[in-house]
Amino acid sequence: MQLTLLNRIWQRIRQFFREIRAEVKKVTWPTKEEVKVLTLVVVLFVFIFTAFIGIVDLILARVFAFIAK
């Protein structure tokens, strides 16, 4: 009885990994060029967004400092 349970668990684990392998084969992987371009887009977006948040923070700090006086 114990062996049968372990057998079923092992079968399910093997089936799980077979299904993972099948799904990974279906994935359309990006080319190196696409990865480079998308990475550049993300880095630029982070830089621009960081600058925007920094400017808004600076403005709000000055506004609140002016109000607090």
Protein backbone atom coordinates (compact mmCIF):
# COMPACT_ATOMS: atom_id res chain seq x y z
CA MET A 1 0.00 0.00 0.00
CA GLN A 2 2.78 2.44 0.93
CA LEU A 3 4.69 1.59 -2.24
CA THR A 4 1.63 2.24 -4.38
CA LEU A 5 1.17 5.67 -2.85
CA LEU A 6 4.82 6.54 -3.44
CA ASN A 7 4.50 5.22 -6.98
CA ARG A 8 1.52 7.47 -7.69
CA ILE A 9 3.28 10.49 -6.20
CA TRP A 10 6.37 9.79 -8.31
CA GLN A 11 4.21 9.37 -11.44
CA ARG A 12 2.52 12.73 -10.81
CA ILE A 13 5.86 14.47 -10.29
CA ARG A 14 7.21 13.02 -13.54
CA GLN A 15 4.01 14.04 -15.39
CA PHE A 16 4.31 17.56 -13.97
CA PHE A 17 7.84 17.95 -15.32
CA ARG A 18 6.85 16.47 -18.70
CA GLU A 19 4.10 19.08 -18.96
CA ILE A 20 6.53 21.84 -18.01
CA ARG A 21 8.91 20.73 -20.76
CA ALA A 22 6.05 20.67 -23.30
CA GLU A 23 4.92 24.18 -22.34
CA VAL A 24 8.45 25.61 -22.46
CA LYS A 25 8.84 24.25 -26.00
CA LYS A 26 5.75 26.26 -27.03
CA VAL A 27 7.25 29.56 -25.84
CA THR A 28 8.40 32.01 -28.48
CA TRP A 29 11.70 33.28 -27.12
CA PRO A 30 12.86 36.80 -28.07
CA THR A 31 15.95 37.30 -30.19
CA LYS A 32 19.08 38.91 -28.76
CA GLU A 33 18.26 42.11 -30.63
CA GLU A 34 14.76 42.24 -29.15
CA VAL A 35 16.16 41.69 -25.66
CA LYS A 36 18.67 44.53 -26.16
CA VAL A 37 16.00 46.95 -27.42
CA LEU A 38 13.49 46.08 -24.71
CA THR A 39 16.16 46.35 -22.02
CA LEU A 40 17.09 49.80 -23.30
CA VAL A 41 13.42 50.83 -23.28
CA VAL A 42 13.05 49.69 -19.66
CA VAL A 43 16.25 51.45 -18.53
CA LEU A 44 15.20 54.69 -20.26
CA PHE A 45 11.70 54.49 -18.79
CA VAL A 46 13.11 53.97 -15.28
CA PHE A 47 15.49 56.90 -15.75
CA ILE A 48 12.73 59.22 -17.02
CA PHE A 49 10.28 58.11 -14.32
CA THR A 50 12.94 58.57 -11.62
CA ALA A 51 13.67 62.09 -12.87
CA PHE A 52 9.94 62.88 -12.91
CA ILE A 53 9.42 61.63 -9.34
CA GLY A 54 12.52 63.54 -8.20
CA ILE A 55 11.24 66.79 -9.73
CA VAL A 56 7.77 66.33 -8.23
CA ASP A 57 9.35 65.58 -4.84
CA LEU A 58 11.50 68.70 -5.04
CA ILE A 59 8.52 70.89 -5.98
CA LEU A 60 6.31 69.45 -3.23
CA ALA A 61 9.08 69.82 -0.64
CA ARG A 62 9.44 73.49 -1.49
CA VAL A 63 5.67 74.05 -1.49
CA PHE A 64 5.30 72.42 1.92
CA ALA A 65 8.32 74.32 3.26
CA PHE A 66 6.76 77.58 2.05
CA ILE A 67 3.42 76.67 3.67
CA ALA A 68 5.11 75.71 6.94
CA LYS A 69 6.79 79.13 7.30
